[in-house]
Amino acid sequence: MAGADYVKLADDLAADIAAGRLKPGDRLLPQRTFAYQRDIAVSTASRVYSELIRRGLAAGEVGRGTYILGAGGPIALPPEPTDTRVDLEFNFPILPAQLGLMAEAMAAVSKPDVLARALRQVASNGTGATREIAATFLAVGGWKPNADGLFFAGNGRQAIASAIGALVPVGGRLGIEALSYPVVKANAKRQGVTLVPLAMDEQGLRPDAIEKAHHEGALSAVYLQPQLHNPLCISLTPGRRQDIIDVARKLDLMLIEDAVYSFLCDEPPLTALAPDCCILVDSLSKRVAPGVAVGFVCAPVGLRERLMTAIRSGGWGASGLPFEVGLRMMSDGTARKIAVLKRQEAALRQQLAAECLAGLDVTTDPRAYHLWLKLPEPWRSETFVAAAGQHGIGVTPSSAFAVGQGHAPNAVRVALASPTFERLREALLTLARLLHAGAASFDTTE
């Protein structure tokens, strides 16, 4: 069979998936067996499977084979939140106690003179006064960002997009942890940027992986999450932080540090050690609430023009009303009080999760609002997500976080922030029962 016919074979399998003859969770034959049955070369079989993965119809799990995802492809992002299920996908904690704290700041913004200011366009670098408010608010552990290098975006996602836009040209390569925040994948695709997955170990991103990727094809920058990594909950050790900085300086690479979960930690960011080669991005969405969406970009002053251009050309600037509310809450202490409450609540939710998931393979941090749940045999990530969904529980499969094509660990991320404690307890106990019962208990015909 001609090499080009691998597309026809992939089309045939895609048709079987669309018709339901191959169902989500089904394992494809080993490539050698498939090649033997179809009388084709093993290399052609490999291209068939790679084509299915490229189309988002299948996923390869290291050491386990290739599995059908379904006609809809992998779950790149969680669906919109609803009230009809227990949401263990989204991680935007909003506490009842914070509403009263926020009310005064909201009321202050409704005054005519303040409202008039809030309805105006916000400059990407704000004003000297607004930058100083934000810099003081973001200060931690003896570190305070340089107010002259501080910029504002509409939210954390737009802050990330701005940093990528300022550092990585169209067609450029951005290094990123092999498992990472799904939105970065979508941002990179829209911006014409190639993501290069970088190997990790139990301590997080490996410095040698940065060097290897850069020598194979020059990287323009590296995006990483040094604190409470999403989804793995890893925080870089001091030694690993320094090793990564040393490699970045050696290769003349900028690091984009996502510090969105840093409000749950006491350690200063990676940027504190290397302000010359780091851009820090953060936001108020998780610290306060998604409705107070203000993103921050802290960068070397020398990148000022590039960042301002990226924010302006991308339409990623902050909106006046949430910006004014956010400034008020940062300056009057409201945002800090809310962060303290959230740290306390995150610890309680982690304690609850430890009780409900006792005996299971969980990777987490007692400060985090999420955990990484590794699945026992014979469960697979996509099948477990479907089983949890049948019980009214939403969790996120590992494929949503995998940067490399097709290969993802056999695990799911469980976000702890949204449900009430009682609903969270019930949901976690249900997940534990599913895992203990085994995949055979899941009816795939429903």
Protein backbone atom coordinates (compact mmCIF):
# COMPACT_ATOMS: atom_id res chain seq x y z
CA MET A 1 0.00 0.00 0.00
CA ALA A 2 1.30 3.45 -0.89
CA GLY A 3 2.37 5.63 1.97
CA ALA A 4 -0.26 8.28 1.16
CA ASP A 5 -3.01 5.71 1.74
CA TYR A 6 -2.51 6.02 5.48
CA VAL A 7 -4.96 8.94 5.23
CA LYS A 8 -7.60 6.61 3.74
CA LEU A 9 -7.10 4.17 6.60
CA ALA A 10 -7.39 7.01 9.09
CA ASP A 11 -10.59 8.13 7.33
CA ASP A 12 -12.01 4.62 7.67
CA LEU A 13 -11.31 4.57 11.41
CA ALA A 14 -12.74 8.09 11.76
CA ALA A 15 -15.92 6.86 10.08
CA ASP A 16 -16.11 3.97 12.55
CA ILE A 17 -15.78 6.47 15.40
CA ALA A 18 -18.49 8.74 13.97
CA ALA A 19 -20.84 5.75 13.48
CA GLY A 20 -20.27 4.52 17.02
CA ARG A 21 -18.55 1.30 15.98
CA LEU A 22 -15.52 2.56 17.89
CA LYS A 23 -16.50 4.18 21.18
CA PRO A 24 -14.71 6.58 23.53
CA GLY A 25 -12.37 4.56 25.71
CA ASP A 26 -11.93 1.71 23.20
CA ARG A 27 -8.32 0.66 22.78
CA LEU A 28 -6.99 0.38 19.24
CA LEU A 29 -4.99 -2.67 18.27
CA PRO A 30 -1.24 -2.52 18.85
CA GLN A 31 0.35 -0.99 15.79
CA ARG A 32 2.11 -4.21 14.76
CA THR A 33 -1.14 -6.15 14.97
CA PHE A 34 -2.99 -3.47 13.01
CA ALA A 35 -0.25 -3.50 10.37
CA TYR A 36 -0.41 -7.30 10.06
CA GLN A 37 -4.21 -7.35 9.70
CA ARG A 38 -4.20 -4.60 7.06
CA ASP A 39 -1.12 -5.94 5.27
CA ILE A 40 0.76 -2.67 5.64
CA ALA A 41 4.10 -1.64 7.06
CA VAL A 42 4.36 -0.88 10.76
CA SER A 43 5.54 2.60 9.82
CA THR A 44 2.30 3.13 7.88
CA ALA A 45 0.26 1.93 10.86
CA SER A 46 2.14 4.45 13.02
CA ARG A 47 1.18 7.22 10.59
CA VAL A 48 -2.47 6.13 10.72
CA TYR A 49 -2.53 6.36 14.50
CA SER A 50 -0.65 9.65 14.47
CA GLU A 51 -3.20 11.05 12.04
CA LEU A 52 -6.07 10.08 14.37
CA ILE A 53 -4.24 11.78 17.24
CA ARG A 54 -3.65 14.87 15.09
CA ARG A 55 -7.39 15.06 14.35
CA GLY A 56 -8.17 14.81 18.06
CA LEU A 57 -9.96 11.46 17.66
CA ALA A 58 -7.52 9.39 19.72
CA ALA A 59 -4.92 9.76 22.43
CA GLY A 60 -1.84 7.72 23.19
CA GLU A 61 -1.09 6.85 26.80
CA VAL A 62 2.57 6.06 27.43
CA GLY A 63 3.05 2.33 27.91
CA ARG A 64 -0.68 1.64 27.52
CA GLY A 65 -1.57 2.09 23.87
CA THR A 66 -3.84 4.33 21.81
CA TYR A 67 -7.44 4.98 22.82
CA ILE A 68 -10.47 6.47 21.13
CA LEU A 69 -11.54 9.90 22.38
CA GLY A 70 -14.69 10.14 20.26
CA ALA A 71 -15.86 12.20 17.33
CA GLY A 72 -15.73 15.38 19.40
CA GLY A 73 -11.99 15.08 20.00
CA PRO A 74 -10.16 15.67 23.26
CA ILE A 75 -11.41 18.05 25.88
CA ALA A 76 -9.13 21.03 25.41
CA LEU A 77 -11.01 23.23 27.88
CA PRO A 78 -13.70 22.55 30.46
CA PRO A 79 -17.27 23.27 29.37
CA GLU A 80 -19.13 26.29 30.67
CA PRO A 81 -20.10 25.86 34.34
CA THR A 82 -23.70 24.89 35.06
CA ASP A 83 -25.90 24.39 38.10
CA THR A 84 -26.86 20.85 37.10
CA ARG A 85 -23.74 19.04 38.26
CA VAL A 86 -20.99 19.13 40.83
CA ASP A 87 -18.27 21.25 39.25
CA LEU A 88 -14.81 19.85 40.00
CA GLU A 89 -13.36 21.45 36.83
CA PHE A 90 -13.37 25.19 37.48
CA ASN A 91 -11.19 26.75 40.16
CA PHE A 92 -12.60 30.21 40.87
CA PRO A 93 -13.34 30.18 44.61
CA ILE A 94 -15.96 32.71 45.70
CA LEU A 95 -16.60 32.62 49.46
CA PRO A 96 -19.83 33.82 51.08
CA ALA A 97 -17.78 35.87 53.54
CA GLN A 98 -16.06 37.85 50.79
CA LEU A 99 -19.29 39.35 49.46
CA GLY A 100 -19.73 41.63 52.44
CA LEU A 101 -16.08 42.67 52.23
CA MET A 102 -16.49 43.56 48.57
CA ALA A 103 -19.71 45.52 48.97
CA GLU A 104 -18.05 48.67 50.35
CA ALA A 105 -15.53 48.84 47.51
CA MET A 106 -18.29 48.30 44.97
CA ALA A 107 -20.37 51.06 46.56
CA ALA A 108 -17.46 53.48 46.43
CA VAL A 109 -17.11 52.97 42.68
CA SER A 110 -20.75 53.95 42.15
CA LYS A 111 -20.06 57.55 43.25
CA PRO A 112 -20.33 59.87 40.21
CA ASP A 113 -16.75 61.12 40.20
CA VAL A 114 -15.27 57.63 40.61
CA LEU A 115 -17.71 56.15 38.10
CA ALA A 116 -16.76 58.79 35.54
CA ARG A 117 -13.13 57.68 35.84
CA ALA A 118 -14.08 53.99 35.72
CA LEU A 119 -15.89 54.42 32.41
CA ARG A 120 -12.80 55.72 30.64
CA GLN A 121 -10.29 53.65 28.72
CA VAL A 122 -7.42 52.24 30.79
CA ALA A 123 -3.88 52.63 29.45
CA SER A 124 -1.88 49.42 29.32
CA ASN A 125 0.61 50.87 31.81
CA GLY A 126 -2.02 52.70 33.87
CA THR A 127 -0.67 55.70 35.74
CA GLY A 128 2.18 56.11 38.19
CA ALA A 129 -0.30 55.95 41.07
CA THR A 130 -2.13 52.83 39.83
CA ARG A 131 1.15 51.03 39.12
CA GLU A 132 2.36 51.78 42.65
CA ILE A 133 -0.89 50.43 44.15
CA ALA A 134 -0.53 47.21 42.17
CA ALA A 135 3.19 46.86 42.90
CA THR A 136 2.59 47.25 46.65
CA PHE A 137 -0.25 44.73 46.51
CA LEU A 138 1.81 42.11 44.65
CA ALA A 139 4.80 42.45 46.99
CA VAL A 140 5.61 39.27 48.94
CA GLY A 141 8.48 37.89 51.01
CA GLY A 142 10.58 41.04 50.76
CA TRP A 143 10.12 41.30 46.98
CA LYS A 144 8.22 44.09 45.28
CA PRO A 145 7.92 44.46 41.50
CA ASN A 146 9.34 47.51 39.80
CA ALA A 147 6.31 49.74 39.28
CA ASP A 148 7.83 51.14 36.08
CA GLY A 149 7.71 47.66 34.54
CA LEU A 150 4.11 46.93 35.52
CA PHE A 151 1.31 46.64 32.92
CA PHE A 152 -2.40 45.87 33.11
CA ALA A 153 -4.48 43.44 31.07
CA GLY A 154 -8.12 42.41 31.07
CA ASN A 155 -7.46 39.20 33.02
CA GLY A 156 -4.81 36.57 33.64
CA ARG A 157 -5.36 34.84 30.30
CA GLN A 158 -4.84 38.09 28.46
CA ALA A 159 -1.76 38.84 30.55
CA ILE A 160 -0.30 35.50 29.40
CA ALA A 161 -1.24 36.23 25.79
CA SER A 162 0.41 39.65 26.06
CA ALA A 163 3.64 38.19 27.39
CA ILE A 164 3.72 35.58 24.63
CA GLY A 165 2.95 38.25 22.02
CA ALA A 166 5.76 40.46 23.27
CA LEU A 167 8.39 37.71 23.28
CA VAL A 168 7.51 35.13 20.64
CA PRO A 169 7.12 36.05 16.96
CA VAL A 170 4.63 34.34 14.65
CA GLY A 171 6.13 30.96 13.85
CA GLY A 172 8.37 31.12 16.91
CA ARG A 173 8.83 28.36 19.50
CA LEU A 174 7.70 28.65 23.12
CA GLY A 175 8.97 26.10 25.62
CA ILE A 176 6.33 24.91 28.09
CA GLU A 177 5.99 22.20 30.73
CA ALA A 178 4.75 18.96 29.17
CA LEU A 179 1.58 19.25 31.28
CA SER A 180 0.32 22.80 31.59
CA TYR A 181 -2.55 25.28 31.73
CA PRO A 182 -4.84 24.45 28.75
CA VAL A 183 -5.53 28.09 27.84
CA VAL A 184 -1.87 28.56 26.85
CA LYS A 185 -2.38 25.98 24.11
CA ALA A 186 -5.32 27.93 22.71
CA ASN A 187 -3.46 31.24 23.01
CA ALA A 188 -0.42 29.87 21.20
CA LYS A 189 -2.52 28.50 18.36
CA ARG A 190 -4.26 31.83 17.81
CA GLN A 191 -0.93 33.67 17.90
CA GLY A 192 0.81 31.34 15.46
CA VAL A 193 3.24 30.11 18.10
CA THR A 194 4.59 26.55 18.26
CA LEU A 195 4.56 25.04 21.74
CA VAL A 196 7.51 22.81 22.61
CA PRO A 197 6.74 20.42 25.51
CA LEU A 198 9.53 20.24 28.08
CA ALA A 199 10.13 17.19 30.24
CA MET A 200 9.30 17.28 33.94
CA ASP A 201 10.15 15.17 36.96
CA GLU A 202 8.87 15.05 40.54
CA GLN A 203 10.51 18.44 41.19
CA GLY A 204 8.90 20.08 38.17
CA LEU A 205 10.40 21.45 34.96
CA ARG A 206 13.82 19.99 34.16
CA PRO A 207 16.52 22.54 33.26
CA ASP A 208 18.23 20.08 30.91
CA ALA A 209 14.97 19.81 28.95
CA ILE A 210 15.14 23.55 28.25
CA GLU A 211 18.68 23.24 26.92
CA LYS A 212 17.84 20.19 24.80
CA ALA A 213 14.79 21.85 23.22
CA HIS A 214 16.68 25.07 22.55
CA HIS A 215 19.53 23.26 20.80
CA GLU A 216 17.05 21.33 18.63
CA GLY A 217 15.45 24.60 17.51
CA ALA A 218 15.84 28.01 19.11
CA LEU A 219 13.20 28.85 21.70
CA SER A 220 11.98 32.43 21.99
CA ALA A 221 10.90 32.05 25.64
CA VAL A 222 9.76 29.51 28.25
CA TYR A 223 6.38 29.56 30.03
CA LEU A 224 6.25 27.86 33.43
CA GLN A 225 4.29 27.69 36.69
CA PRO A 226 6.79 27.65 39.56
CA GLN A 227 4.20 27.65 42.39
CA LEU A 228 1.33 25.19 42.83
CA HIS A 229 1.58 24.01 39.26
CA ASN A 230 -1.68 23.42 37.41
CA PRO A 231 -2.45 20.50 37.26
CA LEU A 232 0.37 18.77 39.21
CA CYS A 233 0.53 20.97 42.35
CA ILE A 234 4.35 20.98 42.20
CA SER A 235 6.26 23.97 43.57
CA LEU A 236 9.87 24.36 42.46
CA THR A 237 12.53 23.89 45.13
CA PRO A 238 15.06 26.72 45.64
CA GLY A 239 17.73 24.63 43.92
CA ARG A 240 15.55 23.87 40.90
CA ARG A 241 14.57 27.54 40.62
CA GLN A 242 18.20 28.60 40.50
CA ASP A 243 19.08 25.91 37.96
CA ILE A 244 16.31 27.09 35.64
CA ILE A 245 17.41 30.71 35.98
CA ASP A 246 21.02 29.73 35.24
CA VAL A 247 19.95 27.94 32.06
CA ALA A 248 17.75 30.86 30.98
CA ARG A 249 20.63 33.29 31.39
CA LYS A 250 23.07 30.97 29.66
CA LEU A 251 20.75 30.65 26.64
CA ASP A 252 19.59 34.29 26.78
CA LEU A 253 15.96 33.18 27.20
CA MET A 254 13.12 35.01 28.90
CA LEU A 255 10.94 33.10 31.37
CA ILE A 256 7.19 33.78 31.53
CA GLU A 257 6.21 33.03 35.13
CA ASP A 258 2.53 32.30 35.72
CA ALA A 259 1.93 33.28 39.36
CA VAL A 260 -1.86 33.02 39.42
CA TYR A 261 -1.83 30.70 42.45
CA SER A 262 0.92 32.59 44.26
CA PHE A 263 -1.58 34.20 46.64
CA LEU A 264 -1.83 30.80 48.34
CA CYS A 265 1.92 30.78 49.06
CA ASP A 266 4.38 32.81 51.14
CA GLU A 267 7.42 32.40 48.90
CA PRO A 268 8.47 35.23 46.59
CA PRO A 269 8.16 34.46 42.88
CA LEU A 270 10.90 33.24 40.57
CA THR A 271 11.00 36.79 39.21
CA ALA A 272 12.38 38.00 42.56
CA LEU A 273 15.59 36.03 41.87
CA ALA A 274 15.93 37.08 38.25
CA PRO A 275 14.03 40.24 37.33
CA ASP A 276 16.29 40.60 34.31
CA CYS A 277 15.08 37.43 32.58
CA CYS A 278 11.53 36.95 33.90
CA ILE A 279 8.10 38.26 33.04
CA LEU A 280 5.57 37.60 35.80
CA VAL A 281 1.85 37.33 35.02
CA ASP A 282 -0.87 37.34 37.66
CA SER A 283 -4.49 38.37 38.08
CA LEU A 284 -7.30 39.11 40.53
CA SER A 285 -9.65 36.47 39.09
CA LYS A 286 -8.69 33.75 41.59
CA ARG A 287 -7.47 36.09 44.33
CA VAL A 288 -10.81 37.91 44.38
CA ALA A 289 -13.38 36.83 41.75
CA PRO A 290 -13.71 36.41 37.96
CA GLY A 291 -15.94 39.50 37.90
CA VAL A 292 -12.99 41.59 39.14
CA ALA A 293 -10.84 40.62 36.19
CA VAL A 294 -7.59 42.53 36.19
CA GLY A 295 -4.42 40.98 34.83
CA PHE A 296 -0.88 42.04 35.73
CA VAL A 297 2.32 41.80 33.73
CA CYS A 298 5.56 42.57 35.60
CA ALA A 299 8.50 42.83 33.21
CA PRO A 300 11.94 44.37 32.73
CA VAL A 301 11.55 48.03 31.83
CA GLY A 302 13.37 47.37 28.56
CA LEU A 303 10.35 45.41 27.31
CA ARG A 304 7.99 48.32 27.90
CA GLU A 305 7.27 49.18 24.27
CA ARG A 306 6.88 45.56 23.17
CA LEU A 307 4.40 44.82 25.94
CA MET A 308 2.39 47.96 25.37
CA THR A 309 2.19 47.11 21.66
CA ALA A 310 1.16 43.51 22.38
CA ILE A 311 -1.58 44.54 24.81
CA ARG A 312 -2.90 47.24 22.49
CA SER A 313 -2.80 45.20 19.28
CA GLY A 314 -4.34 42.15 20.93
CA GLY A 315 -7.19 44.12 22.49
CA TRP A 316 -6.08 42.75 25.85
CA GLY A 317 -6.26 45.95 27.90
CA ALA A 318 -8.05 46.20 31.25
CA SER A 319 -11.67 47.35 31.35
CA GLY A 320 -12.34 50.50 33.35
CA LEU A 321 -15.02 49.29 35.78
CA PRO A 322 -13.35 46.08 37.07
CA PHE A 323 -10.03 47.92 37.01
CA GLU A 324 -11.38 50.62 39.31
CA VAL A 325 -12.99 48.06 41.61
CA GLY A 326 -9.77 46.05 41.69
CA LEU A 327 -7.68 49.11 42.53
CA ARG A 328 -10.03 49.99 45.36
CA MET A 329 -9.81 46.46 46.82
CA MET A 330 -6.02 46.35 46.48
CA SER A 331 -5.52 49.72 48.16
CA ASP A 332 -8.01 49.36 51.03
CA GLY A 333 -6.90 45.85 52.08
CA THR A 334 -10.05 44.05 50.92
CA ALA A 335 -8.22 41.85 48.40
CA ARG A 336 -5.66 40.78 51.01
CA LYS A 337 -8.39 39.87 53.50
CA ILE A 338 -10.13 37.77 50.88
CA ALA A 339 -6.86 36.01 50.01
CA VAL A 340 -6.36 35.09 53.69
CA LEU A 341 -9.84 33.60 53.83
CA LYS A 342 -9.21 31.62 50.67
CA ARG A 343 -5.97 30.22 52.01
CA GLN A 344 -7.79 29.00 55.09
CA GLU A 345 -10.57 27.48 53.04
CA ALA A 346 -8.21 25.78 50.59
CA ALA A 347 -6.51 24.02 53.51
CA LEU A 348 -9.87 22.80 54.82
CA ARG A 349 -10.90 21.50 51.40
CA GLN A 350 -7.59 19.68 51.07
CA GLN A 351 -8.18 18.03 54.45
CA LEU A 352 -11.60 16.91 53.27
CA ALA A 353 -10.15 15.55 50.03
CA ALA A 354 -7.47 13.62 51.94
CA GLU A 355 -10.17 11.95 54.04
CA CYS A 356 -12.44 11.08 51.11
CA LEU A 357 -9.68 9.88 48.77
CA ALA A 358 -7.62 8.03 51.39
CA GLY A 359 -5.73 5.10 49.89
CA LEU A 360 -5.79 6.49 46.35
CA ASP A 361 -2.81 7.83 44.41
CA VAL A 362 -3.13 11.59 44.85
CA THR A 363 -0.53 14.29 44.19
CA THR A 364 -1.32 17.63 45.77
CA ASP A 365 -0.22 20.40 48.12
CA PRO A 366 -2.12 21.29 51.33
CA ARG A 367 -2.25 24.92 50.13
CA ALA A 368 -3.76 24.22 46.71
CA TYR A 369 -7.32 24.40 45.41
CA HIS A 370 -6.84 21.34 43.18
CA LEU A 371 -5.29 17.89 43.15
CA TRP A 372 -3.97 15.39 40.63
CA LEU A 373 -5.67 12.00 40.89
CA LYS A 374 -3.82 9.10 39.29
CA LEU A 375 -6.12 6.33 38.10
CA PRO A 376 -5.63 2.67 38.95
CA GLU A 377 -5.90 -0.06 36.34
CA PRO A 378 -8.00 -0.66 34.35
CA TRP A 379 -9.38 2.90 34.39
CA ARG A 380 -8.36 5.34 31.66
CA SER A 381 -8.62 9.10 31.92
CA GLU A 382 -11.32 9.72 29.31
CA THR A 383 -13.41 6.76 30.47
CA PHE A 384 -13.24 7.91 34.08
CA VAL A 385 -14.33 11.43 33.09
CA ALA A 386 -17.34 9.91 31.33
CA ALA A 387 -18.15 7.73 34.35
CA ALA A 388 -17.91 10.71 36.71
CA GLY A 389 -20.16 12.66 34.33
CA GLN A 390 -22.81 9.96 34.54
CA HIS A 391 -22.84 10.61 38.28
CA GLY A 392 -23.22 14.35 37.77
CA ILE A 393 -19.58 15.21 38.52
CA GLY A 394 -17.27 17.13 36.22
CA VAL A 395 -13.51 16.48 36.37
CA THR A 396 -10.81 17.31 33.82
CA PRO A 397 -8.91 14.59 31.91
CA SER A 398 -5.15 14.65 31.60
CA SER A 399 -5.42 15.17 27.83
CA ALA A 400 -6.63 18.74 28.47
CA PHE A 401 -3.24 19.57 29.99
CA ALA A 402 -0.96 17.55 27.70
CA VAL A 403 1.04 19.77 25.36
CA GLY A 404 2.59 17.02 23.23
CA GLN A 405 0.40 15.32 20.66
CA GLY A 406 -1.46 12.33 21.97
CA HIS A 407 0.44 11.31 25.08
CA ALA A 408 -1.05 12.01 28.50
CA PRO A 409 -0.74 10.35 31.92
CA ASN A 410 -3.55 8.19 33.19
CA ALA A 411 -4.95 10.79 35.60
CA VAL A 412 -7.50 13.56 36.09
CA ARG A 413 -7.39 16.96 37.76
CA VAL A 414 -9.92 17.54 40.50
CA ALA A 415 -10.70 21.17 41.31
CA LEU A 416 -11.94 21.72 44.86
CA ALA A 417 -13.05 25.35 44.83
CA SER A 418 -16.63 25.49 43.56
CA PRO A 419 -19.03 23.19 45.46
CA THR A 420 -20.23 23.58 49.02
CA PHE A 421 -18.36 21.41 51.50
CA GLU A 422 -21.22 18.93 51.66
CA ARG A 423 -21.50 18.58 47.88
CA LEU A 424 -17.73 18.33 47.63
CA ARG A 425 -17.68 15.51 50.20
CA GLU A 426 -20.40 13.58 48.34
CA ALA A 427 -18.64 14.05 44.99
CA LEU A 428 -15.23 12.97 46.26
CA LEU A 429 -16.69 9.89 47.94
CA THR A 430 -18.44 9.03 44.69
CA LEU A 431 -15.16 9.32 42.78
CA ALA A 432 -13.48 7.08 45.35
CA ARG A 433 -16.24 4.47 45.02
CA LEU A 434 -15.90 4.52 41.23
CA LEU A 435 -12.17 3.96 41.43
CA HIS A 436 -12.49 1.14 43.94
CA ALA A 437 -15.26 -0.52 41.92
CA GLY A 438 -13.18 -0.51 38.73
CA ALA A 439 -13.86 0.34 35.12
CA ALA A 440 -15.96 -2.82 34.65
CA SER A 441 -18.70 -1.14 36.70
CA PHE A 442 -19.03 1.69 34.16
CA ASP A 443 -21.73 1.08 31.59
CA THR A 444 -20.39 2.49 28.32
CA THR A 445 -23.73 1.89 26.57
CA GLU A 446 -25.49 4.69 28.41
